[in-house]
Protein backbone atom coordinates (compact mmCIF):
# COMPACT_ATOMS: atom_id res chain seq x y z
CA MET A 1 -37.31 -23.54 -48.85
CA SER A 2 -38.63 -23.58 -51.99
CA PHE A 3 -36.36 -25.03 -55.34
CA PRO A 4 -36.11 -23.57 -58.24
CA GLU A 5 -38.27 -24.59 -61.25
CA ILE A 6 -37.54 -27.68 -63.20
CA VAL A 7 -36.83 -27.18 -66.89
CA SER A 8 -35.84 -28.58 -70.00
CA ARG A 9 -31.93 -28.32 -70.77
CA GLU A 10 -32.57 -25.98 -73.49
CA ARG A 11 -34.40 -23.63 -71.43
CA TRP A 12 -32.01 -23.76 -68.33
CA ARG A 13 -29.22 -22.93 -71.04
CA ALA A 14 -31.57 -20.03 -72.20
CA ALA A 15 -32.13 -18.59 -69.10
CA ARG A 16 -28.17 -19.35 -67.82
CA GLU A 17 -27.07 -17.20 -70.71
CA GLU A 18 -29.45 -14.43 -70.06
CA LEU A 19 -27.93 -14.37 -66.66
CA LEU A 20 -24.60 -14.46 -67.97
CA ARG A 21 -25.01 -11.01 -69.90
CA ARG A 22 -26.24 -9.43 -66.50
CA GLU A 23 -23.38 -11.06 -64.49
CA GLU A 24 -20.73 -9.90 -67.34
CA ALA A 25 -22.19 -6.23 -66.78
CA VAL A 26 -21.63 -6.59 -62.86
CA ARG A 27 -18.10 -7.38 -63.47
CA ARG A 28 -17.43 -4.76 -65.79
CA ALA A 29 -19.07 -1.91 -63.40
CA ARG A 30 -16.69 -3.61 -60.42
CA GLU A 31 -13.85 -3.06 -62.29
CA VAL A 32 -14.39 0.71 -63.14
CA LEU A 33 -15.31 1.06 -59.57
CA GLY A 34 -12.22 -0.95 -58.48
CA ALA A 35 -10.57 1.66 -60.52
CA GLU A 36 -12.16 4.73 -59.11
CA ARG A 37 -10.93 3.03 -55.56
CA ARG A 38 -7.43 2.93 -56.64
CA ARG A 39 -7.39 6.73 -57.53
CA LEU A 40 -8.78 7.74 -54.10
CA PRO A 41 -6.34 10.09 -52.67
CA MET A 42 -4.93 8.87 -49.35
CA VAL A 43 -4.11 10.70 -45.84
CA GLU A 44 -0.92 9.92 -43.53
CA VAL A 45 -1.41 8.40 -40.20
CA ASP A 46 0.04 10.56 -37.90
CA THR A 47 -0.61 9.22 -34.35
CA GLU A 48 1.89 6.95 -32.98
CA TYR A 49 -0.07 3.88 -32.69
CA VAL A 50 1.67 0.90 -30.56
CA PHE A 51 0.12 -2.55 -30.51
CA GLU A 52 0.88 -5.71 -28.67
CA GLY A 53 1.45 -9.01 -30.43
CA GLY A 54 3.07 -12.31 -29.87
CA ASP A 55 6.43 -10.54 -30.06
CA GLY A 56 5.74 -7.86 -27.62
CA LYS A 57 4.86 -4.34 -28.58
CA ALA A 58 4.64 -3.22 -32.71
CA THR A 59 3.74 -0.08 -34.13
CA LEU A 60 1.91 0.52 -37.36
CA LEU A 61 4.52 0.71 -39.40
CA ASP A 62 5.73 -2.97 -38.03
CA LEU A 63 3.02 -4.49 -38.99
CA PHE A 64 3.83 -4.07 -42.39
CA GLU A 65 6.72 -6.61 -41.54
CA GLY A 66 8.57 -4.37 -44.91
CA ARG A 67 6.03 -5.06 -47.13
CA THR A 68 4.59 -2.27 -49.43
CA GLN A 69 0.68 -2.61 -48.37
CA LEU A 70 -1.18 -3.71 -44.72
CA VAL A 71 -4.57 -4.94 -44.80
CA VAL A 72 -6.13 -4.75 -41.01
CA HIS A 73 -9.28 -6.58 -40.13
CA HIS A 74 -11.00 -4.60 -37.42
CA PHE A 75 -12.15 -7.48 -35.52
CA VAL A 76 -14.32 -6.86 -32.74
CA PHE A 77 -13.44 -8.04 -29.65
CA ALA A 78 -14.00 -5.62 -26.50
CA PRO A 79 -11.67 -5.63 -23.86
CA GLU A 80 -14.45 -6.83 -21.41
CA GLN A 81 -15.70 -9.84 -23.52
CA GLU A 82 -14.42 -13.21 -23.49
CA THR A 83 -14.54 -14.42 -26.84
CA GLY A 84 -14.45 -12.40 -30.06
CA CYS A 85 -17.30 -11.28 -32.58
CA PRO A 86 -19.01 -14.15 -34.30
CA CYS A 87 -19.72 -12.14 -37.61
CA CYS A 88 -15.97 -11.29 -37.69
CA SER A 89 -15.07 -14.88 -36.90
CA ALA A 90 -16.76 -16.37 -39.76
CA PHE A 91 -15.26 -13.51 -42.00
CA LEU A 92 -11.41 -14.29 -40.59
CA ASP A 93 -12.32 -18.12 -41.10
CA GLN A 94 -12.56 -17.78 -44.74
CA VAL A 95 -9.12 -15.65 -45.21
CA GLY A 96 -6.67 -18.32 -46.96
CA HIS A 97 -3.27 -18.41 -46.82
CA LEU A 98 -1.46 -15.30 -46.53
CA ALA A 99 1.82 -16.15 -48.74
CA HIS A 100 -0.56 -15.30 -51.64
CA LEU A 101 -1.17 -11.63 -50.68
CA ARG A 102 2.29 -11.44 -49.40
CA SER A 103 3.74 -12.22 -52.56
CA ARG A 104 2.10 -9.05 -53.80
CA SER A 105 4.10 -7.34 -50.83
CA THR A 106 0.65 -7.07 -48.54
CA SER A 107 0.30 -7.91 -44.87
CA PHE A 108 -2.60 -8.88 -43.50
CA VAL A 109 -3.35 -8.63 -39.84
CA ALA A 110 -6.42 -8.53 -37.44
CA VAL A 111 -6.36 -6.00 -34.56
CA SER A 112 -8.97 -5.33 -31.40
CA ARG A 113 -9.58 -3.56 -28.46
CA ALA A 114 -9.20 -6.75 -26.07
CA PRO A 115 -6.04 -7.16 -24.35
CA PHE A 116 -3.66 -9.88 -25.85
CA THR A 117 -4.00 -12.33 -23.09
CA ARG A 118 -7.57 -12.73 -24.20
CA ILE A 119 -7.03 -12.80 -27.71
CA LEU A 120 -4.29 -15.12 -27.72
CA PRO A 121 -6.26 -18.42 -26.26
CA PHE A 122 -9.55 -17.01 -28.38
CA LYS A 123 -6.99 -17.63 -31.74
CA ALA A 124 -5.84 -20.74 -30.57
CA ARG A 125 -9.46 -22.04 -30.23
CA MET A 126 -10.19 -21.16 -33.70
CA GLY A 127 -7.04 -22.33 -35.19
CA TRP A 128 -5.88 -19.41 -36.79
CA ALA A 129 -2.45 -18.24 -37.90
CA VAL A 130 -3.18 -14.52 -38.96
CA PRO A 131 -1.11 -12.08 -37.10
CA TRP A 132 -3.54 -10.75 -34.50
CA TYR A 133 -2.75 -7.38 -32.54
CA SER A 134 -4.15 -6.12 -29.70
CA ALA A 135 -4.95 -2.14 -29.20
CA SER A 136 -5.61 -1.73 -25.76
CA SER A 137 -3.63 -0.30 -23.30
CA ALA A 138 -0.63 0.08 -25.41
CA SER A 139 -2.03 2.17 -27.97
CA HIS A 140 -1.57 5.99 -28.11
CA GLY A 141 -4.92 6.57 -29.33
CA ASP A 142 -7.94 4.00 -29.89
CA PHE A 143 -7.11 2.55 -33.11
CA ASN A 144 -9.86 0.67 -34.07
CA LEU A 145 -12.59 3.36 -33.13
CA ASP A 146 -9.97 6.14 -34.44
CA PHE A 147 -10.73 4.07 -37.93
CA ASN A 148 -14.33 3.82 -37.91
CA LEU A 149 -13.87 6.86 -40.45
CA ASP A 150 -15.87 9.77 -40.43
CA PHE A 151 -18.69 7.92 -38.11
CA GLU A 152 -19.82 9.04 -34.95
CA ALA A 153 -18.91 6.19 -32.43
CA THR A 154 -22.31 4.88 -31.10
CA VAL A 155 -23.06 3.84 -27.96
CA ALA A 156 -24.27 0.09 -27.09
CA SER A 157 -27.31 -1.02 -24.84
CA ASP A 158 -24.51 -1.53 -22.00
CA GLY A 159 -22.98 1.88 -22.25
CA GLY A 160 -20.25 1.17 -23.96
CA LEU A 161 -18.92 1.87 -27.84
CA ALA A 162 -20.18 0.19 -30.41
CA GLU A 163 -17.78 -0.89 -32.83
CA ARG A 164 -18.22 -2.37 -36.25
CA PRO A 165 -16.45 -4.71 -38.30
CA GLY A 166 -14.38 -3.39 -40.92
CA VAL A 167 -11.20 -3.31 -42.99
CA SER A 168 -8.79 -0.49 -43.41
CA CYS A 169 -5.94 -0.34 -46.08
CA PHE A 170 -2.78 1.35 -45.63
CA LEU A 171 0.25 2.06 -47.50
CA ARG A 172 3.83 2.46 -47.22
CA ASP A 173 6.35 4.72 -48.36
CA HIS A 174 9.74 3.97 -46.43
CA ASP A 175 8.93 4.93 -42.95
CA ARG A 176 5.68 7.24 -43.74
CA VAL A 177 2.45 5.19 -43.36
CA PHE A 178 -0.94 6.50 -45.38
CA HIS A 179 -4.45 5.36 -45.20
CA THR A 180 -5.84 4.47 -48.15
CA TYR A 181 -9.54 2.66 -47.77
CA SER A 182 -11.93 1.64 -45.30
CA VAL A 183 -15.02 -0.62 -45.46
CA PHE A 184 -17.44 -1.54 -42.67
CA ASP A 185 -20.51 -3.74 -41.60
CA GLU A 186 -22.22 -5.33 -44.84
CA GLY A 187 -19.48 -3.78 -47.15
CA LEU A 188 -17.54 -6.71 -46.05
CA ASP A 189 -19.86 -9.37 -47.61
CA GLY A 190 -18.07 -11.17 -50.67
CA LEU A 191 -14.69 -10.21 -49.39
CA GLY A 192 -11.91 -12.30 -48.13
CA THR A 193 -10.35 -13.87 -50.94
CA VAL A 194 -6.71 -12.96 -52.09
CA ALA A 195 -8.12 -10.82 -55.17
CA GLY A 196 -11.24 -9.52 -52.82
CA LEU A 197 -8.89 -8.03 -50.23
CA LEU A 198 -6.28 -6.55 -52.79
CA ASP A 199 -9.02 -4.98 -54.90
CA LEU A 200 -9.18 -2.92 -51.80
CA THR A 201 -5.80 -1.65 -51.78
CA ALA A 202 -4.49 1.42 -53.51
CA LEU A 203 -1.97 -0.83 -55.80
CA GLY A 204 -4.85 -3.25 -56.40
CA ARG A 205 -4.42 -6.69 -57.61
CA GLY A 206 -2.17 -6.47 -60.37
CA PRO A 207 -1.94 -9.44 -62.38
CA VAL A 208 -3.62 -12.94 -60.60
CA GLY A 209 -3.47 -15.20 -63.36
CA CYS A 210 -2.41 -18.55 -63.04
CA ASP A 211 0.88 -17.81 -64.28
CA ARG A 212 1.44 -15.42 -61.40
CA LEU A 213 0.32 -17.86 -58.78
CA ARG A 214 2.21 -20.53 -56.91
CA LEU A 215 1.62 -22.89 -54.43
CA HIS A 216 1.70 -21.05 -51.35
CA ASP A 217 5.18 -22.86 -50.11
CA GLU A 218 6.70 -22.10 -53.50
CA TYR A 219 7.03 -18.15 -53.80
CA ASP A 220 10.89 -17.23 -54.17
CA GLU A 221 10.25 -13.58 -53.14
CA TYR A 222 7.56 -11.42 -51.38
CA ASP A 223 7.82 -8.54 -53.88
CA PHE A 224 4.59 -6.95 -55.56
């Protein structure tokens, strides 16, 4: 491993200012891209998915918990596996307290194809409090595979279906559910923060300055 060049404070400041200009250009481009993402059309979800969680059976609508938006982490955990995907685990490790998302009427859950009886001990081992649901035998359709959108399922070396880690976003209009966005694989790099996840949603992050943020146990209501 090679260390950076050692320079004077003046040379460092000049190099930093040049890099800052490039960073600001990337930030502005990211803001433009985010606006385009929010203008994407959406499609209604017609399949009656049913999941199994800590409180029993739940529909896709139930996963919103009454909020307007839902962010789903497609956690790769096949029915025959004893533990979940290390890559997905690292992603879930960085997701912060959900109160900050919920204060913007956005729920976050993980969904895997493994049965809930395998999810539960692994979730306890990892110390996660994120709601996690199984989409195995309780589902009318294979949710995690269905939402590897517009990509043909690939065959793994063991002959099974190879899943990809991903995130999908949904919007609720009363009892109607719409799919608005999905991202997979390397597209998850840099995600996991409240602002980063909200940037994927149709309604976006909205005002997220310090004047809107609270300690996670001080939000008065969960309303966007």
